[in-house]
């Protein structure tokens, strides 16, 4: 048996309308809650990034010795370059992960033939020393001899290339291309021993 009431608050039509309003209000509350949570997460991510954002590493040419032997009738001249770099990680919370490192150089305007691979390593805050040895044949030795004979300056270029990732706790970033370019102008006093010390390198990340 159905019961009809004159009370508009309890009519079937008004009950359906109130149900729709209640459902719509619930969806709005869920949407507002989801947007608030997303905004909070975004703000937290921005704060963490600004707090933990790693600064670029810095490279310095600590020392380099270029030894050249003049070419003669029985053997070509040789240039051997031994270099030491300092890699500095300024970040207290981010460790630097270096991969695929290699060094290349030119001496007296001549590109040394081969690159020197460097081992991958992980670096916490502070300094790490890298060493590389490269050599070239008679062309570089002749150029060095000519420069020494004319008392002109020699331009020494060294470049370290590789991949860099950052590690913060368990999070590891993607790879970025790393290049450190070191340029030193020297006036050799002896052909057989050109020593360079303390040259700052320009470091770029891509």
Protein backbone atom coordinates (compact mmCIF):
# COMPACT_ATOMS: atom_id res chain seq x y z
CA UNK A 1 0.00 0.00 0.00
CA UNK A 2 1.48 3.33 -1.09
CA UNK A 3 1.32 6.40 0.97
CA UNK A 4 1.08 9.88 -0.48
CA UNK A 5 2.19 12.76 1.64
CA UNK A 6 1.71 16.45 1.20
CA UNK A 7 5.14 17.17 2.70
CA UNK A 8 7.38 18.39 -0.18
CA UNK A 9 10.51 17.28 1.68
CA UNK A 10 9.45 13.64 1.37
CA UNK A 11 7.98 13.55 -2.12
CA UNK A 12 9.61 11.02 -4.52
CA UNK A 13 10.66 13.75 -6.94
CA UNK A 14 12.41 15.80 -4.26
CA UNK A 15 14.17 12.69 -2.92
CA UNK A 16 15.62 11.97 -6.35
CA UNK A 17 16.80 15.57 -6.68
CA UNK A 18 18.43 15.49 -3.26
CA UNK A 19 20.18 12.20 -4.17
CA UNK A 20 21.60 13.75 -7.34
CA UNK A 21 22.80 16.80 -5.40
CA UNK A 22 24.42 14.58 -2.77
CA UNK A 23 26.18 12.49 -5.46
CA UNK A 24 27.43 15.64 -7.25
CA UNK A 25 28.71 17.12 -3.97
CA UNK A 26 30.57 13.86 -3.26
CA UNK A 27 32.27 13.95 -6.64
CA UNK A 28 33.27 17.57 -6.08
CA UNK A 29 34.79 16.69 -2.72
CA UNK A 30 36.76 13.81 -4.30
CA UNK A 31 37.97 16.06 -7.11
CA UNK A 32 39.02 18.79 -4.67
CA UNK A 33 40.80 16.22 -2.52
CA UNK A 34 42.65 14.76 -5.53
CA UNK A 35 43.68 18.23 -6.73
CA UNK A 36 44.86 19.16 -3.24
CA UNK A 37 46.93 15.97 -2.99
CA UNK A 38 48.46 16.56 -6.44
CA UNK A 39 49.29 20.17 -5.55
CA UNK A 40 50.90 19.04 -2.28
CA UNK A 41 53.00 16.42 -4.07
CA UNK A 42 54.06 18.96 -6.70
CA UNK A 43 55.04 21.47 -4.04
CA UNK A 44 57.00 18.78 -2.17
CA UNK A 45 58.80 17.77 -5.37
CA UNK A 46 59.71 21.40 -6.10
CA UNK A 47 61.00 21.90 -2.56
CA UNK A 48 63.07 18.70 -2.72
CA UNK A 49 64.46 19.64 -6.13
CA UNK A 50 65.42 23.13 -4.99
CA UNK A 51 66.98 21.66 -1.85
CA UNK A 52 68.80 18.73 -3.45
CA UNK A 53 69.43 20.10 -6.96
CA UNK A 54 73.02 19.12 -7.73
CA UNK A 55 75.53 21.73 -8.82
CA UNK A 56 77.76 20.92 -11.78
CA UNK A 57 81.11 19.27 -11.02
CA UNK A 58 84.28 21.23 -11.62
CA UNK A 59 87.49 20.02 -13.23
CA UNK A 60 90.98 21.40 -12.82
CA UNK A 61 94.13 20.42 -14.67
CA UNK A 62 96.36 19.62 -11.73
CA UNK A 63 99.55 19.00 -13.74
CA UNK A 64 100.65 17.90 -17.18
CA UNK A 65 104.06 16.92 -18.49
CA UNK A 66 104.69 16.86 -22.24
CA UNK A 67 107.89 15.07 -23.20
CA UNK A 68 109.02 15.40 -26.82
CA UNK A 69 111.92 13.70 -28.56
CA UNK A 70 113.16 15.24 -31.81
CA UNK A 71 112.87 13.05 -34.92
CA UNK A 72 116.06 11.51 -36.28
CA UNK A 73 117.14 9.36 -39.22
CA UNK A 74 116.33 6.05 -37.57
CA UNK A 75 113.17 6.83 -35.63
CA UNK A 76 110.41 9.39 -35.63
CA UNK A 77 109.96 11.79 -32.77
CA UNK A 78 107.45 11.07 -30.02
CA UNK A 79 105.38 13.34 -27.83
CA UNK A 80 104.12 11.78 -24.62
CA UNK A 81 101.64 13.66 -22.48
CA UNK A 82 100.94 12.66 -18.88
CA UNK A 83 98.14 14.61 -17.25
CA UNK A 84 96.43 14.67 -13.86
CA UNK A 85 92.99 16.18 -13.34
CA UNK A 86 91.02 16.97 -10.22
CA UNK A 87 87.26 16.36 -10.36
CA UNK A 88 85.40 18.28 -7.65
CA UNK A 89 81.86 17.39 -6.58
CA UNK A 90 80.45 20.34 -4.55
CA UNK A 91 77.24 18.56 -3.52
CA UNK A 92 76.83 17.26 0.02
CA UNK A 93 73.71 15.18 -0.71
CA UNK A 94 74.31 14.02 -4.30
CA UNK A 95 76.97 11.57 -5.42
CA UNK A 96 78.35 11.88 -8.96
CA UNK A 97 78.47 8.72 -11.10
CA UNK A 98 80.93 8.98 -14.00
CA UNK A 99 80.82 6.57 -16.96
CA UNK A 100 82.44 6.26 -20.40
CA UNK A 101 85.16 8.72 -19.53
CA UNK A 102 87.97 9.40 -21.96
CA UNK A 103 90.65 12.03 -22.37
CA UNK A 104 91.93 13.58 -25.58
CA UNK A 105 94.54 16.25 -26.17
CA UNK A 106 96.38 18.38 -28.69
CA UNK A 107 99.88 19.72 -28.22
CA UNK A 108 101.65 22.39 -30.25
CA UNK A 109 98.65 22.49 -32.60
CA UNK A 110 98.72 18.76 -33.37
CA UNK A 111 95.99 16.37 -32.22
CA UNK A 112 97.37 13.42 -30.31
CA UNK A 113 96.38 10.28 -32.12
CA UNK A 114 94.50 8.22 -29.55
CA UNK A 115 92.13 8.87 -26.68
CA UNK A 116 92.88 7.60 -23.20
CA UNK A 117 90.01 5.76 -21.49
CA UNK A 118 89.43 6.51 -17.81
CA UNK A 119 87.75 4.07 -15.39
CA UNK A 120 84.17 4.77 -14.26
CA UNK A 121 83.79 5.81 -10.63
CA UNK A 122 81.39 7.16 -8.03
CA UNK A 123 82.28 10.37 -6.20
CA UNK A 124 80.83 11.75 -2.99
CA UNK A 125 81.38 15.37 -2.04
CA UNK A 126 85.02 16.37 -2.43
CA UNK A 127 87.88 15.83 -4.87
CA UNK A 128 89.05 12.88 -6.93
CA UNK A 129 92.25 12.72 -9.00
CA UNK A 130 92.19 11.27 -12.54
CA UNK A 131 95.29 10.49 -14.59
CA UNK A 132 95.69 9.99 -18.34
CA UNK A 133 98.60 9.30 -20.69
CA UNK A 134 98.52 10.10 -24.42
CA UNK A 135 101.15 10.04 -27.15
CA UNK A 136 101.71 11.12 -30.75
CA UNK A 137 104.34 10.55 -33.40
CA UNK A 138 106.74 12.75 -35.33
CA UNK A 139 104.34 15.52 -36.46
CA UNK A 140 103.76 16.77 -32.92
CA UNK A 141 107.42 16.35 -32.05
CA UNK A 142 108.46 18.44 -35.06
CA UNK A 143 105.94 21.15 -34.16
CA UNK A 144 107.21 21.21 -30.59
CA UNK A 145 110.79 21.43 -31.80
CA UNK A 146 109.93 24.34 -34.13
CA UNK A 147 108.11 26.15 -31.34
CA UNK A 148 111.07 25.69 -29.01
CA UNK A 149 113.54 26.87 -31.63
CA UNK A 150 111.55 30.04 -32.24
CA UNK A 151 110.83 30.60 -28.56
CA UNK A 152 107.12 30.80 -29.31
CA UNK A 153 104.36 29.71 -27.00
CA UNK A 154 102.79 26.28 -27.10
CA UNK A 155 99.06 25.71 -26.71
CA UNK A 156 98.09 22.63 -24.74
CA UNK A 157 94.47 21.50 -24.90
CA UNK A 158 93.07 18.64 -22.87
CA UNK A 159 89.47 17.47 -22.90
CA UNK A 160 87.67 14.96 -20.70
CA UNK A 161 84.39 13.55 -22.03
CA UNK A 162 81.91 11.08 -20.62
CA UNK A 163 78.51 10.50 -19.04
CA UNK A 164 77.36 11.83 -15.66
CA UNK A 165 74.51 10.70 -13.41
CA UNK A 166 73.49 11.98 -9.99
CA UNK A 167 72.60 9.69 -7.09
CA UNK A 168 70.55 10.99 -4.16
CA UNK A 169 69.84 8.21 -1.67
CA UNK A 170 68.22 5.44 -3.76
CA UNK A 171 67.27 7.75 -6.65
CA UNK A 172 69.55 7.89 -9.70
CA UNK A 173 69.11 10.45 -12.47
CA UNK A 174 69.40 9.83 -16.20
CA UNK A 175 72.65 10.23 -18.12
CA UNK A 176 73.94 13.65 -19.10
CA UNK A 177 76.82 14.32 -21.47
CA UNK A 178 79.83 15.76 -19.66
CA UNK A 179 82.74 17.67 -21.19
CA UNK A 180 85.61 19.45 -19.44
CA UNK A 181 87.90 21.57 -21.65
CA UNK A 182 91.30 22.60 -20.29
CA UNK A 183 93.53 25.07 -22.17
CA UNK A 184 97.01 26.11 -21.09
CA UNK A 185 99.49 28.40 -22.82
CA UNK A 186 103.08 27.52 -22.01
CA UNK A 187 106.50 28.79 -23.00
CA UNK A 188 108.80 25.78 -22.88
CA UNK A 189 112.25 26.24 -21.43
CA UNK A 190 113.32 22.78 -22.52
CA UNK A 191 111.96 20.72 -25.36
CA UNK A 192 111.91 17.52 -23.40
CA UNK A 193 109.89 18.67 -20.35
CA UNK A 194 106.97 21.08 -20.50
CA UNK A 195 105.14 21.19 -17.18
CA UNK A 196 101.73 22.83 -16.71
CA UNK A 197 100.12 23.34 -13.31
CA UNK A 198 96.85 24.67 -11.96
CA UNK A 199 94.75 25.34 -15.07
CA UNK A 200 90.99 25.72 -14.54
CA UNK A 201 88.78 23.78 -16.96
CA UNK A 202 85.45 24.82 -18.48
CA UNK A 203 82.85 22.16 -17.64
CA UNK A 204 79.60 21.74 -19.57
CA UNK A 205 76.64 19.40 -19.11
CA UNK A 206 74.05 18.58 -21.76
